C-alpha cells in the first residue's frame, strides 16, 4: 500500500470496513455457512462474550494512555509524550487494535459463515501496514532504545 495512506484512515473506519466486508462475504456462497446467522444460544454466548471482551481490552488501553497523559489519537503518533508500557500494554503493544479484532471475531461468530473469517486477517494486514508499522517508526524516532527494549519484551498483537 502507498506510504501516503499511512495514518490517514482512522482505525475504527478500517474496523467498520472489515465488518462490512465480512457481512458481504457471509452473503455469498451458502455452502460456506457453518451455522445459521445468529445461531443458537452457544453462538450468541460466544459472539456476545467476544464483543465486550474486545471493548474492555480497547478501553484498558485508552485508560492507560489517559493515565500517562499522552495522545490517544492514532493519526498523530508523533505527539506521544510518553511510551506507555504499563497495564494492558505489558501484554500487547496494541490493545485498542486487539480489542477491535476481538469485536470482529464476535461478528464472525454471529455471521456463522466461513468466508466471514477472512475479514480478520484483512484487518490485521491493513492495520499493520497503514497504522502499526508507521506508529512503531514514530515511536522508534521519539523513544529510541526505550521503545526497542519494549518491542523485544512485548509482542505486537498477543
N, C-alpha and C. Protein backbone atom coordinates (compact mmCIF):
# COMPACT_ATOMS: atom_id res chain seq x y z
N UNK A 1 0.85 -1.19 0.00
CA UNK A 1 0.00 0.00 0.00
C UNK A 1 0.88 1.24 0.00
N UNK A 2 0.41 2.30 -0.63
CA UNK A 2 1.22 3.50 -0.70
C UNK A 2 1.44 4.13 0.68
N UNK A 3 2.64 4.68 0.85
CA UNK A 3 3.01 5.27 2.14
C UNK A 3 2.16 6.51 2.46
N UNK A 4 1.65 7.19 1.45
CA UNK A 4 0.86 8.39 1.72
C UNK A 4 -0.45 8.06 2.43
N UNK A 5 -0.85 6.79 2.43
CA UNK A 5 -2.06 6.38 3.13
C UNK A 5 -1.84 6.17 4.63
N UNK A 6 -0.57 6.10 5.04
CA UNK A 6 -0.27 5.87 6.45
C UNK A 6 -0.87 6.97 7.31
N UNK A 7 -1.51 6.57 8.38
CA UNK A 7 -2.13 7.48 9.35
C UNK A 7 -3.18 8.39 8.72
N UNK A 8 -3.82 7.94 7.67
CA UNK A 8 -4.85 8.74 7.02
C UNK A 8 -6.26 8.21 7.30
N UNK A 9 -6.36 6.91 7.54
CA UNK A 9 -7.68 6.30 7.76
C UNK A 9 -7.76 5.90 9.23
N UNK A 10 -8.68 6.48 9.97
CA UNK A 10 -8.80 6.11 11.39
C UNK A 10 -9.06 4.61 11.56
N UNK A 11 -8.37 3.97 12.50
CA UNK A 11 -8.56 2.53 12.71
C UNK A 11 -10.02 2.09 12.89
N UNK A 12 -10.89 2.87 13.57
CA UNK A 12 -12.29 2.43 13.65
C UNK A 12 -12.96 2.36 12.27
N UNK A 13 -12.52 3.20 11.33
CA UNK A 13 -13.07 3.15 9.97
C UNK A 13 -12.62 1.86 9.28
N UNK A 14 -11.36 1.48 9.49
CA UNK A 14 -10.85 0.22 8.94
C UNK A 14 -11.63 -0.94 9.54
N UNK A 15 -11.89 -0.87 10.84
CA UNK A 15 -12.66 -1.91 11.53
C UNK A 15 -14.06 -2.03 10.93
N UNK A 16 -14.73 -0.92 10.75
CA UNK A 16 -16.09 -0.94 10.17
C UNK A 16 -16.07 -1.44 8.73
N UNK A 17 -15.04 -1.06 7.97
CA UNK A 17 -14.93 -1.53 6.59
C UNK A 17 -14.75 -3.05 6.56
N UNK A 18 -13.96 -3.57 7.48
CA UNK A 18 -13.78 -5.03 7.55
C UNK A 18 -15.07 -5.72 7.99
N UNK A 19 -15.81 -5.12 8.91
CA UNK A 19 -17.10 -5.67 9.33
C UNK A 19 -18.06 -5.72 8.15
N UNK A 20 -18.06 -4.66 7.33
CA UNK A 20 -18.92 -4.64 6.13
C UNK A 20 -18.47 -5.70 5.13
N UNK A 21 -17.17 -5.83 4.95
CA UNK A 21 -16.63 -6.87 4.06
C UNK A 21 -17.07 -8.25 4.54
N UNK A 22 -17.00 -8.47 5.84
CA UNK A 22 -17.40 -9.75 6.41
C UNK A 22 -18.89 -10.03 6.15
N UNK A 23 -19.71 -9.01 6.30
CA UNK A 23 -21.15 -9.13 6.03
C UNK A 23 -21.38 -9.52 4.58
N UNK A 24 -20.67 -8.84 3.68
CA UNK A 24 -20.80 -9.11 2.25
C UNK A 24 -20.33 -10.53 1.93
N UNK A 25 -19.17 -10.93 2.46
CA UNK A 25 -18.66 -12.28 2.22
C UNK A 25 -19.60 -13.35 2.75
N UNK A 26 -20.20 -13.09 3.90
CA UNK A 26 -21.12 -14.06 4.51
C UNK A 26 -22.39 -14.25 3.68
N UNK A 27 -22.68 -13.31 2.81
CA UNK A 27 -23.89 -13.40 1.99
C UNK A 27 -23.64 -14.13 0.67
N UNK A 28 -22.39 -14.46 0.39
CA UNK A 28 -22.08 -15.06 -0.92
C UNK A 28 -22.48 -16.53 -1.02
N UNK A 29 -21.57 -17.47 -0.87
CA UNK A 29 -21.96 -18.86 -1.11
C UNK A 29 -22.62 -19.49 0.11
N UNK A 30 -23.81 -20.00 -0.05
CA UNK A 30 -24.50 -20.61 1.09
C UNK A 30 -23.77 -21.86 1.62
N UNK A 31 -22.97 -22.52 0.78
CA UNK A 31 -22.26 -23.70 1.25
C UNK A 31 -21.15 -23.37 2.24
N UNK A 32 -20.78 -22.11 2.38
CA UNK A 32 -19.77 -21.71 3.37
C UNK A 32 -20.39 -21.42 4.73
N UNK A 33 -21.72 -21.50 4.81
CA UNK A 33 -22.42 -21.24 6.07
C UNK A 33 -22.16 -22.39 7.04
N UNK A 34 -21.57 -22.08 8.19
CA UNK A 34 -21.23 -23.09 9.18
C UNK A 34 -22.40 -23.38 10.11
N UNK A 35 -23.17 -22.35 10.41
CA UNK A 35 -24.38 -22.44 11.23
C UNK A 35 -25.25 -21.25 10.87
N UNK A 36 -26.52 -21.29 11.20
CA UNK A 36 -27.39 -20.17 10.84
C UNK A 36 -26.90 -18.86 11.46
N UNK A 37 -27.03 -17.80 10.70
CA UNK A 37 -26.64 -16.47 11.19
C UNK A 37 -27.35 -16.20 12.50
N UNK A 38 -26.59 -15.83 13.50
CA UNK A 38 -27.17 -15.59 14.82
C UNK A 38 -27.39 -16.86 15.59
N UNK A 39 -27.24 -18.02 14.92
CA UNK A 39 -27.31 -19.35 15.52
C UNK A 39 -28.08 -19.49 16.82
N UNK A 40 -27.72 -20.47 17.59
CA UNK A 40 -28.39 -20.73 18.85
C UNK A 40 -27.72 -20.06 20.03
N UNK A 41 -28.02 -20.56 21.20
CA UNK A 41 -27.54 -19.96 22.45
C UNK A 41 -26.02 -19.95 22.53
N UNK A 42 -25.35 -21.01 22.06
CA UNK A 42 -23.89 -21.06 22.12
C UNK A 42 -23.28 -19.99 21.23
N UNK A 43 -23.81 -19.83 20.02
CA UNK A 43 -23.31 -18.80 19.10
C UNK A 43 -23.48 -17.42 19.73
N UNK A 44 -24.65 -17.16 20.28
CA UNK A 44 -24.89 -15.88 20.93
C UNK A 44 -23.93 -15.67 22.11
N UNK A 45 -23.72 -16.71 22.91
CA UNK A 45 -22.85 -16.59 24.07
C UNK A 45 -21.42 -16.26 23.65
N UNK A 46 -20.92 -16.96 22.65
CA UNK A 46 -19.55 -16.71 22.19
C UNK A 46 -19.44 -15.32 21.56
N UNK A 47 -20.37 -15.01 20.67
CA UNK A 47 -20.34 -13.70 20.00
C UNK A 47 -20.47 -12.56 21.00
N UNK A 48 -21.44 -12.68 21.89
CA UNK A 48 -21.67 -11.64 22.88
C UNK A 48 -20.51 -11.58 23.88
N UNK A 49 -19.85 -12.69 24.12
CA UNK A 49 -18.70 -12.69 25.01
C UNK A 49 -17.49 -12.00 24.40
N UNK A 50 -17.26 -12.22 23.10
CA UNK A 50 -16.10 -11.61 22.44
C UNK A 50 -16.23 -10.10 22.31
N UNK A 51 -17.43 -9.62 22.06
CA UNK A 51 -17.62 -8.18 21.85
C UNK A 51 -17.27 -7.36 23.10
N UNK A 52 -17.83 -7.66 24.27
CA UNK A 52 -17.45 -6.87 25.44
C UNK A 52 -16.00 -7.11 25.87
N UNK A 53 -15.48 -8.32 25.64
CA UNK A 53 -14.08 -8.58 25.94
C UNK A 53 -13.20 -7.65 25.10
N UNK A 54 -13.51 -7.56 23.81
CA UNK A 54 -12.77 -6.65 22.93
C UNK A 54 -12.88 -5.21 23.37
N UNK A 55 -14.09 -4.81 23.75
CA UNK A 55 -14.29 -3.43 24.22
C UNK A 55 -13.49 -3.17 25.49
N UNK A 56 -13.47 -4.13 26.40
CA UNK A 56 -12.70 -3.96 27.64
C UNK A 56 -11.20 -3.85 27.39
N UNK A 57 -10.69 -4.68 26.49
CA UNK A 57 -9.26 -4.62 26.15
C UNK A 57 -8.92 -3.25 25.55
N UNK A 58 -9.75 -2.80 24.62
CA UNK A 58 -9.51 -1.50 23.99
C UNK A 58 -9.62 -0.36 25.00
N UNK A 59 -10.63 -0.40 25.84
CA UNK A 59 -10.79 0.66 26.85
C UNK A 59 -9.67 0.65 27.88
N UNK A 60 -9.13 -0.53 28.17
CA UNK A 60 -7.99 -0.59 29.09
C UNK A 60 -6.79 0.14 28.49
N UNK A 61 -6.62 0.03 27.19
CA UNK A 61 -5.55 0.76 26.52
C UNK A 61 -5.77 2.26 26.56
N UNK A 62 -6.98 2.68 26.30
CA UNK A 62 -7.32 4.11 26.36
C UNK A 62 -7.08 4.64 27.77
N UNK A 63 -7.47 3.86 28.77
CA UNK A 63 -7.29 4.28 30.17
C UNK A 63 -5.80 4.46 30.50
N UNK A 64 -4.95 3.56 30.03
CA UNK A 64 -3.52 3.69 30.29
C UNK A 64 -2.95 4.93 29.61
N UNK A 65 -3.42 5.24 28.41
CA UNK A 65 -2.97 6.46 27.73
C UNK A 65 -3.41 7.69 28.52
N UNK A 66 -4.63 7.67 29.02
CA UNK A 66 -5.14 8.81 29.79
C UNK A 66 -4.32 8.97 31.08
N UNK A 67 -4.01 7.87 31.74
CA UNK A 67 -3.19 7.94 32.96
C UNK A 67 -1.82 8.54 32.68
N UNK A 68 -1.25 8.19 31.52
CA UNK A 68 0.07 8.69 31.16
C UNK A 68 0.01 10.10 30.57
N UNK A 69 -1.21 10.58 30.36
CA UNK A 69 -1.43 11.90 29.76
C UNK A 69 -0.71 12.05 28.42
N UNK A 70 -0.95 11.07 27.57
CA UNK A 70 -0.39 11.11 26.23
C UNK A 70 -1.52 10.95 25.22
N UNK A 71 -1.22 11.24 23.99
CA UNK A 71 -2.27 11.24 22.96
C UNK A 71 -2.81 9.83 22.70
N UNK A 72 -4.08 9.78 22.47
CA UNK A 72 -4.75 8.53 22.10
C UNK A 72 -5.07 8.58 20.60
N UNK A 73 -4.74 9.68 19.95
CA UNK A 73 -5.04 9.88 18.54
C UNK A 73 -4.13 9.00 17.68
N UNK A 74 -4.69 7.98 17.03
CA UNK A 74 -3.85 7.08 16.24
C UNK A 74 -3.32 7.72 14.96
N UNK A 75 -3.87 8.86 14.58
CA UNK A 75 -3.40 9.54 13.37
C UNK A 75 -2.24 10.49 13.64
N UNK A 76 -1.85 10.62 14.91
CA UNK A 76 -0.76 11.53 15.27
C UNK A 76 0.17 10.91 16.31
N UNK A 77 0.81 9.78 15.99
CA UNK A 77 1.66 9.12 16.99
C UNK A 77 2.89 9.94 17.38
N UNK A 78 3.31 10.85 16.55
CA UNK A 78 4.48 11.67 16.87
C UNK A 78 4.19 12.61 18.04
N UNK A 79 2.92 12.81 18.38
CA UNK A 79 2.56 13.67 19.51
C UNK A 79 2.65 12.96 20.86
N UNK A 80 3.00 11.68 20.83
CA UNK A 80 3.08 10.92 22.08
C UNK A 80 4.09 11.55 23.02
N UNK A 81 3.69 11.76 24.26
CA UNK A 81 4.57 12.34 25.27
C UNK A 81 5.35 11.28 26.03
N UNK A 82 4.71 10.11 26.15
CA UNK A 82 5.31 9.02 26.92
C UNK A 82 5.11 7.70 26.19
N UNK A 83 6.04 6.80 26.42
CA UNK A 83 5.88 5.44 25.94
C UNK A 83 5.16 4.68 27.04
N UNK A 84 3.95 4.25 26.76
CA UNK A 84 3.13 3.57 27.75
C UNK A 84 3.43 2.07 27.69
N UNK A 85 3.89 1.52 28.81
CA UNK A 85 4.24 0.10 28.88
C UNK A 85 3.57 -0.59 30.06
N UNK A 86 2.70 0.11 30.74
CA UNK A 86 2.05 -0.45 31.93
C UNK A 86 0.67 -0.98 31.60
N UNK A 87 0.07 -1.66 32.59
CA UNK A 87 -1.28 -2.19 32.42
C UNK A 87 -1.35 -3.17 31.27
N UNK A 88 -2.34 -3.02 30.43
CA UNK A 88 -2.55 -3.92 29.31
C UNK A 88 -1.40 -3.84 28.30
N UNK A 89 -0.67 -2.73 28.29
CA UNK A 89 0.47 -2.57 27.39
C UNK A 89 1.65 -3.45 27.79
N UNK A 90 1.60 -4.05 28.95
CA UNK A 90 2.62 -5.01 29.35
C UNK A 90 2.38 -6.36 28.67
N UNK A 91 1.21 -6.56 28.08
CA UNK A 91 0.86 -7.82 27.42
C UNK A 91 0.77 -7.70 25.90
N UNK A 92 0.38 -6.54 25.41
CA UNK A 92 0.24 -6.30 23.98
C UNK A 92 0.58 -4.85 23.69
N UNK A 93 1.28 -4.62 22.58
CA UNK A 93 1.64 -3.24 22.23
C UNK A 93 0.46 -2.49 21.61
N UNK A 94 -0.59 -3.22 21.24
CA UNK A 94 -1.72 -2.61 20.54
C UNK A 94 -3.06 -3.06 21.09
N UNK A 95 -3.36 -2.74 22.34
CA UNK A 95 -4.61 -3.24 22.92
C UNK A 95 -5.87 -2.69 22.24
N UNK A 96 -5.83 -1.47 21.77
CA UNK A 96 -7.02 -0.93 21.12
C UNK A 96 -7.32 -1.70 19.83
N UNK A 97 -6.28 -2.02 19.07
CA UNK A 97 -6.46 -2.76 17.83
C UNK A 97 -6.82 -4.21 18.12
N UNK A 98 -6.22 -4.78 19.15
CA UNK A 98 -6.57 -6.14 19.55
C UNK A 98 -8.04 -6.20 19.97
N UNK A 99 -8.49 -5.17 20.69
CA UNK A 99 -9.90 -5.10 21.08
C UNK A 99 -10.81 -5.06 19.87
N UNK A 100 -10.45 -4.27 18.86
CA UNK A 100 -11.24 -4.21 17.63
C UNK A 100 -11.27 -5.56 16.94
N UNK A 101 -10.14 -6.26 16.95
CA UNK A 101 -10.06 -7.59 16.34
C UNK A 101 -10.98 -8.57 17.07
N UNK A 102 -11.02 -8.50 18.38
CA UNK A 102 -11.91 -9.38 19.14
C UNK A 102 -13.38 -9.10 18.83
N UNK A 103 -13.72 -7.84 18.66
CA UNK A 103 -15.10 -7.48 18.28
C UNK A 103 -15.41 -8.07 16.90
N UNK A 104 -14.46 -7.96 15.97
CA UNK A 104 -14.67 -8.56 14.65
C UNK A 104 -14.81 -10.08 14.74
N UNK A 105 -14.07 -10.71 15.64
CA UNK A 105 -14.20 -12.16 15.82
C UNK A 105 -15.61 -12.50 16.32
N UNK A 106 -16.14 -11.70 17.23
CA UNK A 106 -17.52 -11.89 17.69
C UNK A 106 -18.50 -11.75 16.54
N UNK A 107 -18.25 -10.80 15.67
CA UNK A 107 -19.10 -10.58 14.49
C UNK A 107 -19.02 -11.80 13.57
N UNK A 108 -17.82 -12.35 13.37
CA UNK A 108 -17.66 -13.53 12.52
C UNK A 108 -18.42 -14.72 13.09
N UNK A 109 -18.35 -14.89 14.41
CA UNK A 109 -19.10 -15.97 15.05
C UNK A 109 -20.58 -15.79 14.79
N UNK A 110 -21.08 -14.58 14.99
CA UNK A 110 -22.51 -14.32 14.80
C UNK A 110 -22.93 -14.57 13.35
N UNK A 111 -22.06 -14.17 12.39
CA UNK A 111 -22.40 -14.36 10.97
C UNK A 111 -22.43 -15.84 10.60
N UNK A 112 -21.59 -16.65 11.25
CA UNK A 112 -21.64 -18.09 11.05
C UNK A 112 -21.18 -18.58 9.69
N UNK A 113 -20.45 -17.77 8.94
CA UNK A 113 -20.00 -18.15 7.61
C UNK A 113 -18.48 -18.23 7.58
N UNK A 114 -17.95 -19.29 7.00
CA UNK A 114 -16.50 -19.48 6.95
C UNK A 114 -15.81 -18.31 6.26
N UNK A 115 -16.40 -17.77 5.21
CA UNK A 115 -15.77 -16.66 4.48
C UNK A 115 -15.70 -15.38 5.31
N UNK A 116 -16.61 -15.21 6.23
CA UNK A 116 -16.60 -14.00 7.08
C UNK A 116 -15.30 -13.91 7.87
N UNK A 117 -14.72 -15.05 8.21
CA UNK A 117 -13.47 -15.05 8.99
C UNK A 117 -12.31 -14.43 8.22
N UNK A 118 -12.42 -14.31 6.90
CA UNK A 118 -11.36 -13.68 6.10
C UNK A 118 -11.19 -12.20 6.46
N UNK A 119 -12.20 -11.60 7.02
CA UNK A 119 -12.10 -10.20 7.43
C UNK A 119 -11.07 -9.97 8.52
N UNK A 120 -10.81 -10.96 9.35
CA UNK A 120 -9.85 -10.80 10.45
C UNK A 120 -8.42 -10.64 9.95
N UNK A 121 -7.92 -11.54 9.08
CA UNK A 121 -6.56 -11.31 8.58
C UNK A 121 -6.45 -10.06 7.70
N UNK A 122 -7.54 -9.71 7.02
CA UNK A 122 -7.53 -8.46 6.25
C UNK A 122 -7.35 -7.27 7.20
N UNK A 123 -8.10 -7.26 8.30
CA UNK A 123 -7.99 -6.20 9.30
C UNK A 123 -6.56 -6.11 9.84
N UNK A 124 -5.99 -7.25 10.22
CA UNK A 124 -4.64 -7.28 10.77
C UNK A 124 -3.63 -6.76 9.74
N UNK A 125 -3.74 -7.24 8.50
CA UNK A 125 -2.79 -6.83 7.46
C UNK A 125 -2.88 -5.34 7.17
N UNK A 126 -4.09 -4.84 6.99
CA UNK A 126 -4.26 -3.41 6.68
C UNK A 126 -3.78 -2.55 7.85
N UNK A 127 -4.14 -2.93 9.06
CA UNK A 127 -3.71 -2.16 10.23
C UNK A 127 -2.19 -2.21 10.40
N UNK A 128 -1.59 -3.38 10.18
CA UNK A 128 -0.13 -3.48 10.28
C UNK A 128 0.56 -2.52 9.31
N UNK A 129 0.05 -2.45 8.08
CA UNK A 129 0.69 -1.63 7.06
C UNK A 129 0.39 -0.15 7.23
N UNK A 130 -0.88 0.19 7.42
CA UNK A 130 -1.27 1.61 7.43
C UNK A 130 -1.12 2.29 8.79
N UNK A 131 -1.11 1.52 9.87
CA UNK A 131 -1.14 2.14 11.18
C UNK A 131 0.00 1.69 12.10
N UNK A 132 0.14 0.40 12.30
CA UNK A 132 1.06 -0.09 13.33
C UNK A 132 2.52 0.14 12.95
N UNK A 133 2.93 -0.27 11.77
CA UNK A 133 4.34 -0.06 11.39
C UNK A 133 4.71 1.42 11.38
N UNK A 134 3.86 2.30 10.83
CA UNK A 134 4.19 3.72 10.92
C UNK A 134 4.22 4.24 12.36
N UNK A 135 3.32 3.74 13.22
CA UNK A 135 3.35 4.12 14.64
C UNK A 135 4.67 3.68 15.27
N UNK A 136 5.07 2.46 14.96
CA UNK A 136 6.32 1.95 15.53
C UNK A 136 7.52 2.76 15.05
N UNK A 137 7.50 3.17 13.79
CA UNK A 137 8.56 4.02 13.26
C UNK A 137 8.62 5.33 14.05
N UNK A 138 7.46 5.92 14.30
CA UNK A 138 7.39 7.17 15.07
C UNK A 138 7.86 6.95 16.51
N UNK A 139 7.49 5.81 17.10
CA UNK A 139 7.92 5.51 18.48
C UNK A 139 9.43 5.29 18.55
N UNK A 140 9.99 4.67 17.53
CA UNK A 140 11.45 4.48 17.50
C UNK A 140 12.16 5.83 17.41
N UNK A 141 11.64 6.71 16.59
CA UNK A 141 12.24 8.04 16.46
C UNK A 141 12.11 8.83 17.76
N UNK A 142 10.97 8.72 18.39
CA UNK A 142 10.69 9.52 19.60
C UNK A 142 11.35 8.95 20.85
N UNK A 143 11.33 7.61 21.00
CA UNK A 143 11.77 6.99 22.25
C UNK A 143 13.00 6.10 22.12
N UNK A 144 13.50 5.90 20.91
CA UNK A 144 14.75 5.20 20.67
C UNK A 144 14.87 3.84 21.34
N UNK A 145 15.95 3.68 22.13
CA UNK A 145 16.25 2.39 22.77
C UNK A 145 15.15 1.93 23.72
N UNK A 146 14.48 2.88 24.36
CA UNK A 146 13.39 2.52 25.28
C UNK A 146 12.30 1.75 24.52
N UNK A 147 11.95 2.24 23.32
CA UNK A 147 10.95 1.53 22.52
C UNK A 147 11.50 0.19 22.04
N UNK A 148 12.76 0.15 21.63
CA UNK A 148 13.35 -1.11 21.15
C UNK A 148 13.29 -2.19 22.23
N UNK A 149 13.63 -1.84 23.45
CA UNK A 149 13.57 -2.80 24.56
C UNK A 149 12.13 -3.27 24.79
N UNK A 150 11.21 -2.33 24.73
CA UNK A 150 9.79 -2.65 24.90
C UNK A 150 9.31 -3.59 23.79
N UNK A 151 9.68 -3.30 22.55
CA UNK A 151 9.25 -4.10 21.41
C UNK A 151 9.79 -5.53 21.48
N UNK A 152 10.96 -5.70 22.06
CA UNK A 152 11.52 -7.04 22.24
C UNK A 152 10.76 -7.79 23.33
N UNK A 153 10.35 -7.08 24.35
CA UNK A 153 9.70 -7.68 25.52
C UNK A 153 8.22 -8.00 25.31
N UNK A 154 7.52 -7.15 24.53
CA UNK A 154 6.06 -7.28 24.37
C UNK A 154 5.72 -7.42 22.88
N UNK A 155 4.90 -8.41 22.59
CA UNK A 155 4.52 -8.68 21.20
C UNK A 155 3.58 -7.62 20.66
N UNK A 156 3.54 -7.52 19.35
CA UNK A 156 2.71 -6.53 18.67
C UNK A 156 1.22 -6.76 18.93
N UNK A 157 0.76 -7.99 18.81
CA UNK A 157 -0.67 -8.29 18.98
C UNK A 157 -0.91 -9.02 20.30
N UNK A 158 -0.45 -10.25 20.43
CA UNK A 158 -0.58 -11.02 21.69
C UNK A 158 0.61 -11.94 21.85
